[in-house]
Amino acid sequence: MKFPLGKKGLVLLGAIGGAAAFWRVRSKRREQEEREWEAEVAEAIEQGQAAGAAVTEGS
């Protein structure tokens, strides 16, 4: 099978494919980190509300 742009075109196609795969993995990792951070913030808010409620009930 003959590639239209030759060896350089094939290398370029591989580089573009590799960059796209890297970008996808990085994007998914970033989304996962954002979800984890949001969960930590939500948990901290809940703990703060519980602590505030405990202090006001104790007074």
N, C-alpha and C. Protein backbone atom coordinates (compact mmCIF):
# COMPACT_ATOMS: atom_id res chain seq x y z
N MET A 1 0.84 -1.18 0.00
CA MET A 1 0.00 0.00 0.00
C MET A 1 0.88 1.24 0.00
N LYS A 2 0.60 2.14 -0.89
CA LYS A 2 1.41 3.36 -1.01
C LYS A 2 0.73 4.49 -0.24
N PHE A 3 1.51 5.18 0.57
CA PHE A 3 1.00 6.31 1.34
C PHE A 3 1.20 7.57 0.52
N PRO A 4 0.18 8.43 0.40
CA PRO A 4 0.24 9.58 -0.51
C PRO A 4 1.41 10.55 -0.26
N LEU A 5 1.75 10.81 0.96
CA LEU A 5 2.79 11.80 1.24
C LEU A 5 4.14 11.15 1.56
N GLY A 6 4.22 9.87 1.42
CA GLY A 6 5.48 9.18 1.65
C GLY A 6 5.78 8.98 3.13
N LYS A 7 7.05 8.74 3.38
CA LYS A 7 7.51 8.45 4.74
C LYS A 7 7.28 9.63 5.68
N LYS A 8 7.55 10.85 5.21
CA LYS A 8 7.37 12.03 6.06
C LYS A 8 5.90 12.22 6.42
N GLY A 9 5.01 11.96 5.49
CA GLY A 9 3.58 12.08 5.75
C GLY A 9 3.12 11.07 6.78
N LEU A 10 3.67 9.86 6.68
CA LEU A 10 3.32 8.82 7.64
C LEU A 10 3.80 9.18 9.05
N VAL A 11 5.00 9.73 9.15
CA VAL A 11 5.53 10.16 10.44
C VAL A 11 4.67 11.31 11.00
N LEU A 12 4.29 12.24 10.13
CA LEU A 12 3.44 13.35 10.55
C LEU A 12 2.09 12.85 11.05
N LEU A 13 1.52 11.89 10.35
CA LEU A 13 0.24 11.32 10.76
C LEU A 13 0.37 10.65 12.14
N GLY A 14 1.47 9.94 12.37
CA GLY A 14 1.71 9.31 13.67
C GLY A 14 1.86 10.34 14.78
N ALA A 15 2.55 11.44 14.47
CA ALA A 15 2.74 12.49 15.47
C ALA A 15 1.41 13.15 15.83
N ILE A 16 0.59 13.37 14.84
CA ILE A 16 -0.72 13.98 15.09
C ILE A 16 -1.59 13.03 15.91
N GLY A 17 -1.56 11.76 15.57
CA GLY A 17 -2.33 10.76 16.33
C GLY A 17 -1.86 10.67 17.77
N GLY A 18 -0.56 10.69 17.97
CA GLY A 18 -0.01 10.64 19.32
C GLY A 18 -0.39 11.86 20.13
N ALA A 19 -0.35 13.03 19.50
CA ALA A 19 -0.73 14.27 20.19
C ALA A 19 -2.21 14.23 20.57
N ALA A 20 -3.05 13.72 19.69
CA ALA A 20 -4.48 13.63 19.99
C ALA A 20 -4.73 12.68 21.16
N ALA A 21 -4.05 11.55 21.18
CA ALA A 21 -4.20 10.59 22.27
C ALA A 21 -3.74 11.22 23.59
N PHE A 22 -2.61 11.91 23.56
CA PHE A 22 -2.09 12.58 24.76
C PHE A 22 -3.09 13.61 25.26
N TRP A 23 -3.68 14.39 24.34
CA TRP A 23 -4.63 15.42 24.71
C TRP A 23 -5.87 14.81 25.37
N ARG A 24 -6.35 13.68 24.83
CA ARG A 24 -7.52 13.01 25.42
C ARG A 24 -7.23 12.52 26.83
N VAL A 25 -6.09 11.88 27.02
CA VAL A 25 -5.73 11.35 28.34
C VAL A 25 -5.60 12.50 29.33
N ARG A 26 -4.96 13.56 28.90
CA ARG A 26 -4.77 14.71 29.78
C ARG A 26 -6.11 15.34 30.15
N SER A 27 -7.02 15.43 29.20
CA SER A 27 -8.34 15.99 29.43
C SER A 27 -9.12 15.14 30.44
N LYS A 28 -9.07 13.83 30.28
CA LYS A 28 -9.77 12.94 31.21
C LYS A 28 -9.18 13.03 32.60
N ARG A 29 -7.87 13.12 32.69
CA ARG A 29 -7.21 13.24 34.00
C ARG A 29 -7.62 14.55 34.67
N ARG A 30 -7.68 15.62 33.90
CA ARG A 30 -8.07 16.91 34.45
C ARG A 30 -9.51 16.88 34.96
N GLU A 31 -10.41 16.23 34.21
CA GLU A 31 -11.80 16.10 34.64
C GLU A 31 -11.90 15.31 35.94
N GLN A 32 -11.12 14.25 36.06
CA GLN A 32 -11.12 13.42 37.27
C GLN A 32 -10.63 14.24 38.46
N GLU A 33 -9.57 15.01 38.27
CA GLU A 33 -9.05 15.84 39.35
C GLU A 33 -10.08 16.89 39.77
N GLU A 34 -10.82 17.46 38.80
CA GLU A 34 -11.85 18.44 39.12
C GLU A 34 -12.97 17.81 39.94
N ARG A 35 -13.39 16.59 39.58
CA ARG A 35 -14.45 15.91 40.33
C ARG A 35 -13.99 15.62 41.75
N GLU A 36 -12.75 15.17 41.91
CA GLU A 36 -12.22 14.89 43.24
C GLU A 36 -12.16 16.17 44.08
N TRP A 37 -11.74 17.28 43.47
CA TRP A 37 -11.63 18.54 44.19
C TRP A 37 -13.02 19.01 44.61
N GLU A 38 -14.00 18.90 43.71
CA GLU A 38 -15.36 19.31 44.04
C GLU A 38 -15.93 18.48 45.19
N ALA A 39 -15.61 17.19 45.21
CA ALA A 39 -16.07 16.31 46.29
C ALA A 39 -15.43 16.72 47.62
N GLU A 40 -14.16 17.06 47.60
CA GLU A 40 -13.48 17.49 48.81
C GLU A 40 -14.09 18.80 49.34
N VAL A 41 -14.38 19.72 48.45
CA VAL A 41 -14.97 21.00 48.85
C VAL A 41 -16.35 20.76 49.45
N ALA A 42 -17.16 19.92 48.81
CA ALA A 42 -18.50 19.62 49.32
C ALA A 42 -18.42 18.98 50.70
N GLU A 43 -17.47 18.08 50.89
CA GLU A 43 -17.31 17.42 52.19
C GLU A 43 -16.89 18.44 53.25
N ALA A 44 -15.99 19.34 52.90
CA ALA A 44 -15.56 20.36 53.85
C ALA A 44 -16.71 21.28 54.24
N ILE A 45 -17.56 21.61 53.27
CA ILE A 45 -18.72 22.45 53.57
C ILE A 45 -19.67 21.73 54.52
N GLU A 46 -19.92 20.47 54.26
CA GLU A 46 -20.80 19.68 55.13
C GLU A 46 -20.24 19.59 56.55
N GLN A 47 -18.93 19.38 56.66
CA GLN A 47 -18.31 19.31 57.98
C GLN A 47 -18.41 20.65 58.70
N GLY A 48 -18.23 21.73 57.96
CA GLY A 48 -18.35 23.05 58.56
C GLY A 48 -19.76 23.33 59.03
N GLN A 49 -20.74 22.94 58.24
CA GLN A 49 -22.14 23.14 58.64
C GLN A 49 -22.47 22.30 59.87
N ALA A 50 -21.97 21.07 59.91
CA ALA A 50 -22.23 20.20 61.07
C ALA A 50 -21.56 20.78 62.32
N ALA A 51 -20.36 21.29 62.16
CA ALA A 51 -19.66 21.88 63.31
C ALA A 51 -20.40 23.14 63.79
N GLY A 52 -20.86 23.94 62.86
CA GLY A 52 -21.61 25.14 63.24
C GLY A 52 -22.90 24.79 63.94
N ALA A 53 -23.59 23.76 63.46
CA ALA A 53 -24.83 23.33 64.09
C ALA A 53 -24.56 22.79 65.50
N ALA A 54 -23.46 22.08 65.66
CA ALA A 54 -23.12 21.51 66.97
C ALA A 54 -22.80 22.62 67.97
N VAL A 55 -22.15 23.66 67.51
CA VAL A 55 -21.79 24.77 68.40
C VAL A 55 -23.03 25.53 68.80
N THR A 56 -23.92 25.78 67.85
CA THR A 56 -25.13 26.56 68.19
C THR A 56 -26.09 25.75 69.06
N GLU A 57 -26.12 24.44 68.89
CA GLU A 57 -26.98 23.59 69.74
C GLU A 57 -26.42 23.49 71.16
N GLY A 58 -25.10 23.53 71.27
CA GLY A 58 -24.47 23.42 72.58
C GLY A 58 -24.59 24.67 73.42
N SER A 59 -24.81 25.82 72.79
CA SER A 59 -24.89 27.09 73.51
C SER A 59 -26.17 27.24 74.27
